[in-house]
Amino acid sequence: MEKRYIPFGYRVENGKKVINKEEASVVRRIYEMRIKGEGVSAIGKQLYDERQLFFSDTKDKSIKKVSAILYKKIYAGDKNYPAIVDAEIFSCIDRMKDKPIRRQCANGEGTVEYTEKMSFEYKESDEISDIEMSVSEMIRNRKAESKEVLEMILKLASKKYSCIIQKEED
């Protein structure tokens, strides 16, 4: 894709920055989706999957472009650009930047909070290394049925999963 010198949502007409109506509708949609609780990644992936103009390079680039659009003040009328979104909406989105987003769990039981910049760490328990050794021994010595090995592997995965904890934010 060729490099743009004017931000998405705008064009130059008679030497002035003006709103590109087609692109501006996509910009407004991005803000609406974010206000409704969609994460930046989800928005970027959706636009990529839809093969929206400007968002069809790669999923990663699409996500970065969505983030840039959401957090550039020009979209609220800064630096001689006409406003595509209301300043209050922009301010609300900007405040949401590091706030948790609540999502329904895949199994339908409860919700999960996460932020776009959430970090985790893995703190392994002593029990995990014991289970790993048991699984390795079962496989190496072929002393167990495949169902038994599978059950041990699932137990190991469950224990490892329970060792993942969210880091405290600074």
Protein backbone atom coordinates (compact mmCIF):
# COMPACT_ATOMS: atom_id res chain seq x y z
CA MET A 1 0.00 0.00 0.00
CA GLU A 2 1.30 3.45 -0.83
CA LYS A 3 2.28 5.79 2.01
CA ARG A 4 -0.30 8.34 3.12
CA TYR A 5 0.76 11.84 4.02
CA ILE A 6 -2.62 12.98 5.23
CA PRO A 7 -4.34 11.08 8.06
CA PHE A 8 -7.08 8.58 7.28
CA GLY A 9 -10.42 10.38 7.23
CA TYR A 10 -9.08 13.51 5.57
CA ARG A 11 -8.05 14.81 2.17
CA VAL A 12 -6.62 18.06 0.86
CA GLU A 13 -8.86 20.24 -1.26
CA ASN A 14 -7.70 23.65 -2.55
CA GLY A 15 -4.83 23.52 -0.07
CA LYS A 16 -7.10 22.93 2.95
CA LYS A 17 -7.61 19.85 5.07
CA VAL A 18 -11.18 18.62 4.65
CA ILE A 19 -13.09 15.55 5.76
CA ASN A 20 -13.18 12.56 3.40
CA LYS A 21 -16.79 11.43 3.98
CA GLU A 22 -16.25 7.76 3.13
CA GLU A 23 -13.18 7.41 5.36
CA ALA A 24 -14.72 9.55 8.11
CA SER A 25 -17.63 7.13 8.40
CA VAL A 26 -15.10 4.36 9.16
CA VAL A 27 -13.38 6.61 11.74
CA ARG A 28 -16.73 7.30 13.45
CA ARG A 29 -17.50 3.58 13.42
CA ILE A 30 -14.17 2.87 15.15
CA TYR A 31 -15.03 5.35 17.90
CA GLU A 32 -18.54 3.91 18.27
CA MET A 33 -17.20 0.37 18.57
CA ARG A 34 -14.68 1.46 21.20
CA ILE A 35 -17.30 3.38 23.20
CA LYS A 36 -19.45 0.21 23.20
CA GLY A 37 -16.57 -1.67 24.84
CA GLU A 38 -14.80 -3.32 21.91
CA GLY A 39 -11.05 -3.59 22.38
CA VAL A 40 -8.60 -2.03 19.95
CA SER A 41 -7.45 -5.47 18.82
CA ALA A 42 -10.99 -6.68 18.18
CA ILE A 43 -11.80 -3.55 16.16
CA GLY A 44 -8.63 -3.85 14.08
CA LYS A 45 -9.22 -7.54 13.41
CA GLN A 46 -12.83 -6.91 12.39
CA LEU A 47 -11.86 -4.15 9.94
CA TYR A 48 -9.13 -6.38 8.53
CA ASP A 49 -11.53 -9.31 8.15
CA GLU A 50 -14.02 -7.03 6.37
CA ARG A 51 -11.19 -5.87 4.08
CA GLN A 52 -12.04 -2.26 4.84
CA LEU A 53 -10.10 0.28 2.81
CA PHE A 54 -6.82 1.15 4.61
CA PHE A 55 -7.14 -1.83 6.99
CA SER A 56 -6.37 -4.71 4.64
CA ASP A 57 -2.53 -4.95 4.93
CA THR A 58 -2.22 -7.30 7.92
CA LYS A 59 -4.14 -7.77 11.16
CA ASP A 60 -1.26 -6.31 13.18
CA LYS A 61 -1.06 -3.19 11.01
CA SER A 62 -4.83 -2.84 11.13
CA ILE A 63 -4.76 -2.91 14.95
CA LYS A 64 -1.98 -0.28 15.02
CA LYS A 65 -3.95 1.93 12.63
CA VAL A 66 -7.06 1.68 14.82
CA SER A 67 -5.01 2.64 17.88
CA ALA A 68 -3.51 5.62 16.05
CA ILE A 69 -6.96 6.80 14.97
CA LEU A 70 -8.42 6.46 18.47
CA TYR A 71 -5.68 8.43 20.20
CA LYS A 72 -4.81 11.22 17.74
CA LYS A 73 -6.35 14.53 18.79
CA ILE A 74 -6.74 15.66 15.18
CA TYR A 75 -9.91 13.58 14.96
CA ALA A 76 -11.46 15.90 17.56
CA GLY A 77 -10.43 19.00 15.58
CA ASP A 78 -6.81 19.60 16.61
CA LYS A 79 -4.02 21.22 14.48
CA ASN A 80 -6.31 22.82 11.88
CA TYR A 81 -8.07 19.55 11.06
CA PRO A 82 -11.87 19.63 11.02
CA ALA A 83 -13.39 17.43 13.75
CA ILE A 84 -14.68 14.02 12.71
CA VAL A 85 -15.67 13.08 16.27
CA ASP A 86 -16.94 15.20 19.10
CA ALA A 87 -14.27 16.39 21.56
CA GLU A 88 -16.22 14.84 24.45
CA ILE A 89 -16.25 11.42 22.74
CA PHE A 90 -12.52 11.70 22.05
CA SER A 91 -11.90 12.59 25.70
CA CYS A 92 -13.97 9.63 26.85
CA ILE A 93 -12.02 7.25 24.57
CA ASP A 94 -8.73 8.72 25.78
CA ARG A 95 -9.73 8.08 29.41
CA MET A 96 -10.62 4.48 28.49
CA LYS A 97 -7.10 3.82 27.20
CA ASP A 98 -5.90 1.87 30.23
CA LYS A 99 -9.22 1.04 31.84
CA PRO A 100 -10.41 -2.55 32.12
CA ILE A 101 -12.92 -3.85 29.61
CA ARG A 102 -15.53 -6.32 30.82
CA ARG A 103 -16.21 -9.29 28.56
CA GLN A 104 -18.61 -12.19 28.86
CA CYS A 105 -16.73 -15.46 29.42
CA ALA A 106 -16.83 -17.95 26.56
CA ASN A 107 -18.73 -20.43 28.70
CA GLY A 108 -21.35 -17.77 29.51
CA GLU A 109 -20.58 -17.89 33.24
CA GLY A 110 -19.63 -14.44 34.47
CA THR A 111 -17.35 -11.79 33.05
CA VAL A 112 -13.63 -11.15 32.81
CA GLU A 113 -11.91 -7.80 33.19
CA TYR A 114 -8.87 -7.02 31.08
CA THR A 115 -7.01 -4.02 29.78
CA GLU A 116 -5.27 -3.57 26.46
CA LYS A 117 -1.96 -3.44 28.34
CA MET A 118 -2.54 -6.13 30.95
CA SER A 119 0.54 -8.11 31.98
CA PHE A 120 0.88 -11.52 33.54
CA GLU A 121 3.53 -13.62 35.17
CA TYR A 122 3.93 -17.32 35.66
CA LYS A 123 4.75 -18.64 39.14
CA GLU A 124 5.22 -22.37 38.98
CA SER A 125 4.38 -24.56 41.95
CA ASP A 126 6.48 -27.54 43.10
CA GLU A 127 3.59 -29.84 42.26
CA ILE A 128 3.96 -29.01 38.55
CA SER A 129 7.49 -30.35 38.24
CA ASP A 130 6.35 -33.58 39.96
CA ILE A 131 3.48 -34.00 37.49
CA GLU A 132 5.79 -33.23 34.54
CA MET A 133 8.21 -35.92 35.70
CA SER A 134 5.36 -38.41 36.07
CA VAL A 135 4.06 -37.67 32.57
CA SER A 136 7.55 -37.97 31.09
CA GLU A 137 8.10 -41.26 32.86
CA MET A 138 4.72 -42.62 31.74
CA ILE A 139 5.50 -41.76 28.13
CA ARG A 140 9.12 -42.93 28.21
CA ASN A 141 8.37 -46.27 29.89
CA ARG A 142 5.04 -46.84 28.17
CA LYS A 143 3.59 -48.04 31.47
CA ALA A 144 0.24 -46.35 31.10
CA GLU A 145 -2.77 -46.41 28.80
CA SER A 146 -3.15 -43.42 26.49
CA LYS A 147 -6.28 -42.31 28.39
CA GLU A 148 -4.31 -42.21 31.66
CA VAL A 149 -1.48 -40.22 30.02
CA LEU A 150 -4.01 -37.80 28.55
CA GLU A 151 -5.63 -37.29 31.97
CA MET A 152 -2.22 -36.52 33.50
CA ILE A 153 -1.42 -34.05 30.71
CA LEU A 154 -4.75 -32.29 31.25
CA LYS A 155 -4.10 -32.16 34.99
CA LEU A 156 -0.67 -30.67 34.27
CA ALA A 157 -2.15 -28.06 31.92
CA SER A 158 -4.73 -27.11 34.54
CA LYS A 159 -2.08 -26.72 37.23
CA LYS A 160 0.09 -24.61 34.89
CA TYR A 161 -2.88 -22.42 34.01
CA SER A 162 -3.61 -21.79 37.68
CA CYS A 163 -0.01 -20.51 38.10
CA ILE A 164 -0.61 -17.58 35.73
CA ILE A 165 -1.32 -14.45 37.72
CA GLN A 166 -1.98 -10.89 36.71
CA LYS A 167 0.82 -8.51 37.62
CA GLU A 168 0.00 -5.52 39.72
CA GLU A 169 -0.11 -2.34 37.63
CA ASP A 170 2.43 0.33 38.44
